[in-house]
Amino acid sequence: MTEGIPVVRMYTDDSGHTRFAKMQIPVKSKTGLGSVGLFSSLFVNENIYDNTGDLKTQFALTPVPENLKGEGPKLAHTAPRRQLVLTLSGCLEFKSCDVTEEDAEHKVTIRRGDILLAEDLEGAGHVWKFIESSDGNFYPWIRCYIHLGEEYDHFVSQLVPKS
């Protein structure tokens, strides 16, 4: 059985709407040199051969608003760049704009520890809002953005649908 690290892929379909797909980063067992557990392939910029890297990382914090009503639609937008969004705190609902369906391809819950691959760079975009976490509380959305340029297409190509 192959295990993987879950990733929610948010992308623009051919009709210009944001969709969500549950994917996973494939991992393999690795031991030696202090490495124990399951590891993915190493993703580096294919244009840099010495592995010095050019990764751009950014952190963000959005406090829980005092009035949660209407928080989602006013934030309608597309992703500013292809990026991984690592949620460190918070619980949010993401939805596709301009669609009436509320199935798994058009709505997803993102929680602490989830990885979102944001690549809906055009089209109608998405909205998000704070929702209660499993303990009934609202938490600030603390996240880490890892910016991915076109040279990281090989990362996206290795994702597999989650079974």
Protein backbone atom coordinates (compact mmCIF):
# COMPACT_ATOMS: atom_id res chain seq x y z
CA MET A 1 0.00 0.00 0.00
CA THR A 2 1.39 3.41 -0.98
CA GLU A 3 0.73 6.15 1.50
CA GLY A 4 0.82 9.83 0.66
CA ILE A 5 0.63 13.27 2.14
CA PRO A 6 -2.79 14.80 1.43
CA VAL A 7 -3.00 17.93 -0.72
CA VAL A 8 -6.12 19.76 -1.84
CA ARG A 9 -5.59 21.00 -5.40
CA MET A 10 -7.49 24.21 -6.23
CA TYR A 11 -7.42 24.88 -9.97
CA THR A 12 -9.34 26.52 -12.82
CA ASP A 13 -11.24 24.14 -15.10
CA ASP A 14 -11.87 24.67 -18.83
CA SER A 15 -15.07 26.61 -18.10
CA GLY A 16 -13.19 29.14 -15.94
CA HIS A 17 -14.46 27.89 -12.58
CA THR A 18 -12.40 26.98 -9.56
CA ARG A 19 -12.46 23.29 -8.66
CA PHE A 20 -11.03 21.29 -5.79
CA ALA A 21 -9.52 17.81 -6.02
CA LYS A 22 -8.16 15.67 -3.21
CA MET A 23 -4.68 14.56 -4.23
CA GLN A 24 -1.61 13.24 -2.47
CA ILE A 25 2.14 13.59 -2.64
CA PRO A 26 3.54 10.07 -3.10
CA VAL A 27 5.99 8.99 -0.39
CA LYS A 28 8.31 6.03 0.03
CA SER A 29 9.94 4.46 3.05
CA LYS A 30 13.44 5.77 3.71
CA THR A 31 16.04 4.92 6.31
CA GLY A 32 19.64 5.90 6.89
CA LEU A 33 21.45 9.15 7.62
CA GLY A 34 18.91 9.97 10.33
CA SER A 35 15.99 9.59 7.93
CA VAL A 36 13.28 7.30 9.23
CA GLY A 37 9.77 7.28 7.86
CA LEU A 38 8.09 8.14 4.58
CA PHE A 39 9.56 10.81 2.32
CA SER A 40 8.55 12.40 -0.99
CA SER A 41 10.89 13.04 -3.87
CA LEU A 42 13.04 16.14 -3.45
CA PHE A 43 11.50 19.00 -5.44
CA VAL A 44 14.07 21.54 -6.57
CA ASN A 45 14.15 24.16 -9.28
CA GLU A 46 15.29 22.21 -12.31
CA ASN A 47 17.23 25.28 -13.49
CA ILE A 48 19.53 25.23 -10.44
CA TYR A 49 22.00 22.38 -10.29
CA ASP A 50 23.71 23.05 -6.97
CA ASN A 51 20.48 22.84 -4.90
CA THR A 52 20.98 26.34 -3.46
CA GLY A 53 17.35 26.96 -4.37
CA ASP A 54 15.25 29.99 -5.06
CA LEU A 55 12.24 29.11 -2.92
CA LYS A 56 10.13 32.04 -1.79
CA THR A 57 8.26 31.59 1.49
CA GLN A 58 5.84 33.96 3.18
CA PHE A 59 3.79 33.75 6.37
CA ALA A 60 0.40 35.36 6.94
CA LEU A 61 -2.10 35.75 9.78
CA THR A 62 -5.74 36.70 9.36
CA PRO A 63 -7.47 37.35 12.69
CA VAL A 64 -10.98 36.05 13.28
CA PRO A 65 -13.30 39.01 12.57
CA GLU A 66 -15.67 40.12 15.30
CA ASN A 67 -18.63 39.70 12.95
CA LEU A 68 -18.30 36.53 10.89
CA LYS A 69 -21.36 37.14 8.68
CA GLY A 70 -20.51 37.85 5.05
CA GLU A 71 -16.82 37.07 5.44
CA GLY A 72 -16.55 34.94 2.29
CA PRO A 73 -18.00 36.72 -0.76
CA LYS A 74 -16.15 40.01 -0.19
CA LEU A 75 -12.89 38.05 -0.46
CA ALA A 76 -13.61 36.61 -3.95
CA HIS A 77 -10.36 36.26 -5.89
CA THR A 78 -8.08 33.97 -7.84
CA ALA A 79 -4.71 32.81 -6.53
CA PRO A 80 -2.03 35.47 -7.15
CA ARG A 81 0.50 32.80 -8.17
CA ARG A 82 0.89 29.03 -8.04
CA GLN A 83 1.67 28.33 -4.41
CA LEU A 84 1.38 25.83 -1.60
CA VAL A 85 -0.62 27.14 1.35
CA LEU A 86 0.24 25.31 4.58
CA THR A 87 -2.43 26.01 7.20
CA LEU A 88 -0.90 26.21 10.68
CA SER A 89 -4.04 27.42 12.49
CA GLY A 90 -7.66 28.01 11.60
CA CYS A 91 -10.58 26.26 9.95
CA LEU A 92 -11.96 27.60 6.68
CA GLU A 93 -14.44 26.76 3.98
CA PHE A 94 -13.35 27.42 0.39
CA LYS A 95 -15.95 27.57 -2.40
CA SER A 96 -15.89 28.08 -6.16
CA CYS A 97 -17.38 31.35 -7.41
CA ASP A 98 -20.19 31.49 -9.95
CA VAL A 99 -21.37 27.90 -9.46
CA THR A 100 -24.39 26.55 -7.62
CA GLU A 101 -23.06 23.06 -6.94
CA GLU A 102 -21.77 22.37 -3.44
CA ASP A 103 -20.07 19.04 -4.07
CA ALA A 104 -16.47 18.06 -3.25
CA GLU A 105 -15.22 19.63 -6.50
CA HIS A 106 -16.70 23.03 -5.64
CA LYS A 107 -16.39 23.26 -1.85
CA VAL A 108 -13.72 22.09 0.60
CA THR A 109 -12.86 22.52 4.27
CA ILE A 110 -9.26 23.45 5.10
CA ARG A 111 -8.04 22.78 8.65
CA ARG A 112 -4.83 23.12 10.63
CA GLY A 113 -2.23 20.87 9.03
CA ASP A 114 -3.82 20.86 5.56
CA ILE A 115 -1.85 21.65 2.40
CA LEU A 116 -3.62 23.56 -0.37
CA LEU A 117 -2.04 23.75 -3.83
CA ALA A 118 -3.46 27.04 -5.12
CA GLU A 119 -3.34 27.28 -8.90
CA ASP A 120 -6.69 28.80 -9.90
CA LEU A 121 -4.87 31.74 -11.51
CA GLU A 122 -7.69 32.87 -13.78
CA GLY A 123 -11.43 32.49 -14.15
CA ALA A 124 -14.16 33.18 -11.60
CA GLY A 125 -11.97 32.37 -8.60
CA HIS A 126 -12.90 31.31 -5.10
CA VAL A 127 -14.13 32.66 -1.77
CA TRP A 128 -13.37 31.52 1.73
CA LYS A 129 -14.77 32.07 5.18
CA PHE A 130 -13.97 31.09 8.74
CA ILE A 131 -15.91 28.12 10.09
CA GLU A 132 -15.95 26.49 13.51
CA SER A 133 -13.24 23.97 14.21
CA SER A 134 -14.11 20.56 15.65
CA ASP A 135 -13.98 22.01 19.19
CA GLY A 136 -16.62 24.65 18.30
CA ASN A 137 -14.18 27.60 18.35
CA PHE A 138 -12.94 29.95 15.66
CA TYR A 139 -9.18 30.43 15.29
CA PRO A 140 -7.07 32.94 13.34
CA TRP A 141 -5.90 31.68 9.97
CA ILE A 142 -2.12 31.36 10.24
CA ARG A 143 -0.48 30.04 7.11
CA CYS A 144 2.75 29.67 5.23
CA TYR A 145 2.87 30.33 1.49
CA ILE A 146 5.47 28.56 -0.61
CA HIS A 147 5.60 30.25 -4.02
CA LEU A 148 6.01 27.85 -6.95
CA GLY A 149 7.18 29.04 -10.35
CA GLU A 150 6.74 27.20 -13.65
CA GLU A 151 9.97 25.35 -12.94
CA TYR A 152 7.99 23.38 -10.33
CA ASP A 153 5.60 21.80 -12.84
CA HIS A 154 7.26 18.49 -11.99
CA PHE A 155 5.87 18.82 -8.43
CA VAL A 156 2.30 19.10 -9.69
CA SER A 157 2.80 16.31 -12.22
CA GLN A 158 3.74 13.87 -9.41
CA LEU A 159 0.52 14.39 -7.42
CA VAL A 160 -1.86 11.47 -7.59
CA PRO A 161 -5.60 11.34 -6.82
CA LYS A 162 -6.34 10.41 -3.24
CA SER A 163 -8.03 7.04 -2.93
